[in-house]
Structures are given as structure tokens and as C-alpha cells.
Amino acid sequence: MLEVRGIKKTFGENVILDGLGFRVNKGDVVTIIGPSGSGKTTLLRCIDFLERADGGTLTFGDETFDFAQVSKKQILGIRRRIGFVFQSHHLFNNKTALGNVTEGLISARKIPRPEAEKIGREALDKVGLSDRYHYYPNQLSGGQQQRVGIARAMAARPDLILFDEPTSALDPELIGEVLAVMKMLATEGVTMVVVTHEMSFARDVANRVIFMEKGVIVEEASSYDFFVNPKEERTQQFISRVFPGPEYNI
């Protein structure tokens, strides 16, 4: 479905992405993990062109795009096929949950309001917010706001959803409700790439894990092989710190 090749990104003299590449197949749940500052978020933002990469190519379906030369029209076409769930909720405070989900459908995709609201209600139902259609963000918990963000991404019916540390801004007791929605999407075959610090999600839900550090991919493997039999010494160090005992074995 999607392949990134040789992606490069620098900020000044700092190399953020150093020519890495990976593939995502339809139905994959790929988690990207690694220490802070390894380039994980920048990678997602470049895939959705929220940041412009300096080089490399993106293949989406049967089309290949040069990150550095892609046109605005091509970017709009790519974004129509990708949903993005941010670290923070990025909701419109003056719109209800339903309004936040339908805004892009109506304004960007020109879907008639009645149809957009039907799609929006179905998306909110799926994330467990059928009783919160008309609540404003300040009336919702952080977990509920993030679930509105997931519903907004789902409502556009994208081919792929990118999640950028979707639980990092939540209180610990609210993380589970967001992860439960993501697990449900995984069981339904939704293709996802997830930057996360939630190792249990990477271990139990993802089918592939990518470990990044200093702008490169140190190791990529199935979730089982990654956590049970990591090949790279740096990966082994990382896992031993996250799961210091034998309990990390699946």
C-alpha cells in the first residue's frame, strides 16, 4: 500500500531522518518506537506532508512521489487517503464533537451536511461516543477528546491512519480507553502506523515493530521476533530497560 524510500530531513545542521525506508501493507498495524528525538514524529509528519522532507520517495498504491518535488495538488490527493491522529486533540473548541468530525467532510470534501452528519454519528458511535454528539471539547475528558480525533480520522474513510503518540498527553487512567479503540480498529483490518511509547500495544496489537534512533531504523521485525528475539544489541538494551524482567516474553 505505502512505501517510503530514502527519506531525508534536516533542520539546520541537525539530521532528523537519514535516508530510511519501510513498507506498509494493507491491514498492517506498524508501530514505530524508540527514544525521544529519534525522528519518529517527523517521519509521520513528512509522510502526510505536514513537514516537507528534503529527499526520498513515497509510493502510495501505484503512484510514486518525490518528497522534495511533489506538487500541492498531489499533496491534497495523498492527504485524502491518509488520516492523522495527533498527540494533542487539535479540536475546534467552538464546535461540538459531531461538528469536529463533520467539518472536514463538509468544507474540504463537499459532502452534503445530512450525509456528513450521518457519517459523523457512525464514527462517533464506533469510538463509544454515541451520547456525546453535542458536547463541546471543554465538556469532554482528554480521552474522549482524543476519541473524537480518531472518529474524525475514521470518518474520511482513509486507506491509512497515522497516529502520533495518541496517548502521550493523557492521564494514565484515560490511556486505556483510547488504546481500546485502536485495538478495535486493528481487529477490523484498519491499516495503521502508530508512533507510541505504549510497549504493550506494540507487543500485543502490532504485527510489525520498527525501532528508530538518530534518524535511522535500527531494527524492524514482527512484533513477536522484536520482543522475544531482537537481533541488534541496541534493541536488546532498549527492551531490557522497558521490560527489565522475563515478563516481556510473549
Protein backbone atom coordinates (compact mmCIF):
# COMPACT_ATOMS: atom_id res chain seq x y z
CA MET A 1 0.00 0.00 0.00
CA LEU A 2 2.69 2.50 1.03
CA GLU A 3 6.45 2.52 0.74
CA VAL A 4 8.93 5.15 1.89
CA ARG A 5 12.40 5.08 0.38
CA GLY A 6 15.49 7.08 1.28
CA ILE A 7 13.62 9.80 3.17
CA LYS A 8 15.86 12.62 4.38
CA LYS A 9 15.08 15.58 6.61
CA THR A 10 17.37 18.12 8.25
CA PHE A 11 16.76 21.12 10.46
CA GLY A 12 19.77 23.34 10.02
CA GLU A 13 22.78 21.13 10.68
CA ASN A 14 20.73 18.52 12.54
CA VAL A 15 19.95 15.37 10.58
CA ILE A 16 16.49 14.20 11.66
CA LEU A 17 15.82 11.49 9.05
CA ASP A 18 18.86 9.90 7.45
CA GLY A 19 17.71 8.02 4.37
CA LEU A 20 15.49 5.41 6.00
CA GLY A 21 12.78 3.36 4.30
CA PHE A 22 9.98 0.92 5.11
CA ARG A 23 6.79 -0.58 3.71
CA VAL A 24 3.22 -0.77 4.96
CA ASN A 25 0.89 -3.42 3.54
CA LYS A 26 -2.88 -3.29 3.61
CA GLY A 27 -4.16 -4.32 7.03
CA ASP A 28 -0.79 -3.81 8.76
CA VAL A 29 -0.51 -2.30 12.21
CA VAL A 30 3.04 -0.95 12.30
CA THR A 31 4.33 0.60 15.49
CA ILE A 32 7.34 2.92 15.46
CA ILE A 33 9.15 3.10 18.77
CA GLY A 34 12.43 4.47 20.06
CA PRO A 35 13.91 7.10 22.33
CA SER A 36 12.77 10.73 22.22
CA GLY A 37 14.44 12.71 19.45
CA SER A 38 14.88 9.73 17.13
CA GLY A 39 12.77 11.29 14.34
CA LYS A 40 9.57 9.29 14.78
CA THR A 41 7.11 12.19 14.76
CA THR A 42 8.96 13.97 11.96
CA LEU A 43 8.70 10.81 9.87
CA LEU A 44 4.91 10.71 10.22
CA ARG A 45 4.58 14.42 9.53
CA CYS A 46 6.66 14.09 6.37
CA ILE A 47 4.51 11.19 5.13
CA ASP A 48 1.42 13.42 5.46
CA PHE A 49 3.36 16.49 4.19
CA LEU A 50 2.83 18.45 7.38
CA GLU A 51 6.62 18.76 7.10
CA ARG A 52 8.41 18.78 3.76
CA ALA A 53 11.17 16.16 3.54
CA ASP A 54 14.37 17.10 1.76
CA GLY A 55 14.64 13.92 -0.28
CA GLY A 56 13.42 10.41 -0.89
CA THR A 57 10.28 8.97 -2.44
CA LEU A 58 6.82 7.94 -1.32
CA THR A 59 4.95 5.22 -3.19
CA PHE A 60 1.24 5.11 -2.41
CA GLY A 61 -0.67 2.48 -4.32
CA ASP A 62 0.63 2.58 -7.88
CA GLU A 63 1.93 6.16 -7.75
CA THR A 64 5.39 7.31 -6.69
CA PHE A 65 6.14 10.85 -5.50
CA ASP A 66 9.39 12.69 -4.88
CA PHE A 67 9.19 14.18 -1.39
CA ALA A 68 11.14 17.26 -2.43
CA GLN A 69 9.22 17.97 -5.65
CA VAL A 70 5.64 16.84 -5.02
CA SER A 71 3.04 19.41 -6.08
CA LYS A 72 0.32 20.93 -3.92
CA LYS A 73 -2.32 19.10 -5.96
CA GLN A 74 -0.55 15.79 -5.38
CA ILE A 75 -0.28 16.52 -1.65
CA LEU A 76 -4.02 17.13 -1.43
CA GLY A 77 -4.64 13.84 -3.21
CA ILE A 78 -2.37 11.97 -0.79
CA ARG A 79 -3.94 13.60 2.25
CA ARG A 80 -7.39 12.50 1.14
CA ARG A 81 -6.18 8.93 1.55
CA ILE A 82 -4.47 9.38 4.93
CA GLY A 83 -5.99 10.10 8.34
CA PHE A 84 -3.85 11.69 11.06
CA VAL A 85 -4.38 11.50 14.81
CA PHE A 86 -2.20 13.98 16.70
CA GLN A 87 -0.59 13.91 20.16
CA SER A 88 -2.93 16.65 21.30
CA HIS A 89 -6.52 16.69 20.20
CA HIS A 90 -6.48 19.59 17.71
CA LEU A 91 -10.24 20.04 18.05
CA PHE A 92 -12.20 23.21 17.30
CA ASN A 93 -13.30 24.48 20.71
CA ASN A 94 -16.35 26.22 19.24
CA LYS A 95 -17.68 23.07 17.59
CA THR A 96 -19.35 20.04 19.11
CA ALA A 97 -17.92 16.54 18.84
CA LEU A 98 -20.13 15.96 15.80
CA GLY A 99 -19.13 19.31 14.33
CA ASN A 100 -15.45 18.50 14.70
CA VAL A 101 -15.91 15.21 12.89
CA THR A 102 -18.00 16.65 10.06
CA GLU A 103 -16.14 19.92 9.44
CA GLY A 104 -13.60 18.43 7.04
CA LEU A 105 -16.21 16.32 5.28
CA ILE A 106 -18.36 19.37 4.56
CA SER A 107 -15.74 22.06 3.89
CA ALA A 108 -12.95 20.06 2.23
CA ARG A 109 -14.76 17.13 0.65
CA LYS A 110 -18.01 18.98 -0.15
CA ILE A 111 -20.18 16.21 1.28
CA PRO A 112 -23.74 17.44 1.91
CA ARG A 113 -24.36 18.16 5.60
CA PRO A 114 -27.02 15.47 6.16
CA GLU A 115 -24.74 12.79 4.70
CA ALA A 116 -21.71 14.15 6.59
CA GLU A 117 -23.61 14.09 9.87
CA LYS A 118 -24.69 10.51 9.25
CA ILE A 119 -21.05 9.54 8.66
CA GLY A 120 -20.00 11.55 11.72
CA ARG A 121 -22.53 9.88 14.01
CA GLU A 122 -21.46 6.45 12.80
CA ALA A 123 -17.81 7.29 13.50
CA LEU A 124 -18.59 8.62 16.99
CA ASP A 125 -20.69 5.53 17.68
CA LYS A 126 -17.73 3.34 16.78
CA VAL A 127 -15.45 5.05 19.31
CA GLY A 128 -18.06 4.84 22.06
CA LEU A 129 -19.30 8.44 22.00
CA SER A 130 -22.89 7.99 20.85
CA ASP A 131 -24.03 10.00 23.86
CA ARG A 132 -21.61 12.88 23.23
CA TYR A 133 -22.57 14.16 19.75
CA HIS A 134 -23.45 17.63 21.01
CA TYR A 135 -20.78 18.05 23.68
CA TYR A 136 -18.07 20.68 23.20
CA PRO A 137 -14.40 19.81 23.80
CA ASN A 138 -14.34 21.52 27.19
CA GLN A 139 -17.17 19.20 28.26
CA LEU A 140 -15.18 16.09 27.36
CA SER A 141 -12.34 14.31 29.11
CA GLY A 142 -8.96 14.12 27.46
CA GLY A 143 -9.62 10.53 26.44
CA GLN A 144 -12.98 11.45 24.95
CA GLN A 145 -11.41 14.34 23.03
CA GLN A 146 -8.79 12.00 21.60
CA ARG A 147 -11.53 9.56 20.60
CA VAL A 148 -13.23 12.43 18.75
CA GLY A 149 -9.91 12.91 16.94
CA ILE A 150 -9.88 9.23 15.99
CA ALA A 151 -13.51 9.44 14.83
CA ARG A 152 -12.60 12.45 12.68
CA ALA A 153 -9.80 10.49 11.03
CA MET A 154 -12.05 7.45 10.50
CA ALA A 155 -14.91 9.49 9.06
CA ALA A 156 -12.86 10.38 6.00
CA ARG A 157 -12.57 6.65 5.28
CA PRO A 158 -8.84 6.80 4.57
CA ASP A 159 -6.68 3.99 3.28
CA LEU A 160 -4.23 4.54 6.14
CA ILE A 161 -4.34 6.23 9.56
CA LEU A 162 -1.19 7.69 11.13
CA PHE A 163 -1.16 8.01 14.93
CA ASP A 164 1.44 10.29 16.52
CA GLU A 165 1.76 9.22 20.18
CA PRO A 166 -2.03 9.42 20.64
CA THR A 167 -1.90 8.69 24.38
CA SER A 168 1.11 10.80 25.38
CA ALA A 169 -0.96 13.79 26.52
CA LEU A 170 -3.46 11.73 28.53
CA ASP A 171 -3.66 10.99 32.23
CA PRO A 172 -2.79 7.33 32.92
CA GLU A 173 -6.36 6.33 33.69
CA LEU A 174 -7.56 7.61 30.29
CA ILE A 175 -4.97 5.84 28.16
CA GLY A 176 -6.81 2.53 28.19
CA GLU A 177 -9.97 3.86 26.55
CA VAL A 178 -8.01 5.23 23.59
CA LEU A 179 -5.93 2.08 23.20
CA ALA A 180 -9.14 0.00 23.30
CA VAL A 181 -10.47 1.93 20.29
CA MET A 182 -7.20 1.43 18.43
CA LYS A 183 -7.24 -2.30 19.19
CA MET A 184 -10.79 -2.48 17.85
CA LEU A 185 -9.69 -0.78 14.62
CA ALA A 186 -6.81 -3.26 14.32
CA THR A 187 -9.17 -6.23 14.61
CA GLU A 188 -11.28 -4.70 11.83
CA GLY A 189 -8.29 -4.58 9.49
CA VAL A 190 -7.69 -0.81 9.51
CA THR A 191 -4.19 -0.07 8.25
CA MET A 192 -2.29 1.95 10.85
CA VAL A 193 1.17 3.33 11.52
CA VAL A 194 1.50 4.24 15.19
CA VAL A 195 4.28 6.16 16.89
CA THR A 196 3.94 5.16 20.52
CA HIS A 197 5.59 4.67 23.90
CA GLU A 198 2.96 2.08 24.80
CA MET A 199 5.05 -1.06 24.58
CA SER A 200 2.18 -3.39 25.45
CA PHE A 201 0.29 -2.08 22.39
CA ALA A 202 3.36 -2.58 20.20
CA ARG A 203 3.81 -6.09 21.55
CA ASP A 204 0.20 -7.29 21.62
CA VAL A 205 -1.57 -5.44 18.77
CA ALA A 206 1.01 -4.55 16.11
CA ASN A 207 2.10 -7.10 13.57
CA ARG A 208 5.36 -5.22 12.89
CA VAL A 209 7.61 -3.05 15.00
CA ILE A 210 10.15 -0.50 13.80
CA PHE A 211 12.79 0.70 16.26
CA MET A 212 14.30 4.09 15.37
CA GLU A 213 17.23 6.02 16.76
CA LYS A 214 19.09 9.06 15.45
CA GLY A 215 17.05 9.22 12.27
CA VAL A 216 17.61 5.64 11.10
CA ILE A 217 15.86 2.31 11.54
CA VAL A 218 17.93 0.19 13.90
CA GLU A 219 15.70 -2.87 13.64
CA GLU A 220 12.43 -3.91 12.02
CA ALA A 221 10.71 -7.21 12.75
CA SER A 222 7.44 -8.91 13.54
CA SER A 223 6.22 -7.95 17.00
CA TYR A 224 6.96 -11.46 18.27
CA ASP A 225 10.53 -11.53 16.95
CA PHE A 226 11.17 -7.96 18.04
CA PHE A 227 10.27 -8.52 21.67
CA VAL A 228 11.32 -12.16 22.06
CA ASN A 229 14.38 -12.37 19.84
CA PRO A 230 15.75 -8.91 18.98
CA LYS A 231 18.86 -9.12 16.81
CA GLU A 232 20.55 -5.76 17.37
CA GLU A 233 22.37 -5.00 20.61
CA ARG A 234 20.82 -1.54 20.81
CA THR A 235 17.35 -3.07 20.51
CA GLN A 236 18.16 -5.55 23.24
CA GLN A 237 19.25 -2.69 25.51
CA PHE A 238 16.07 -0.77 24.83
CA ILE A 239 13.78 -3.72 25.51
CA SER A 240 15.64 -4.69 28.70
CA ARG A 241 15.03 -1.19 30.05
CA VAL A 242 11.36 -1.21 29.11
CA PHE A 243 10.76 -4.78 30.30
CA PRO A 244 13.54 -5.37 32.84
CA GLY A 245 12.47 -8.92 33.67
CA PRO A 246 11.45 -12.06 31.79
CA GLU A 247 7.85 -10.84 31.67
CA TYR A 248 8.42 -9.21 28.26
CA ASN A 249 8.43 -12.64 26.65
CA ILE A 250 5.25 -13.37 24.75
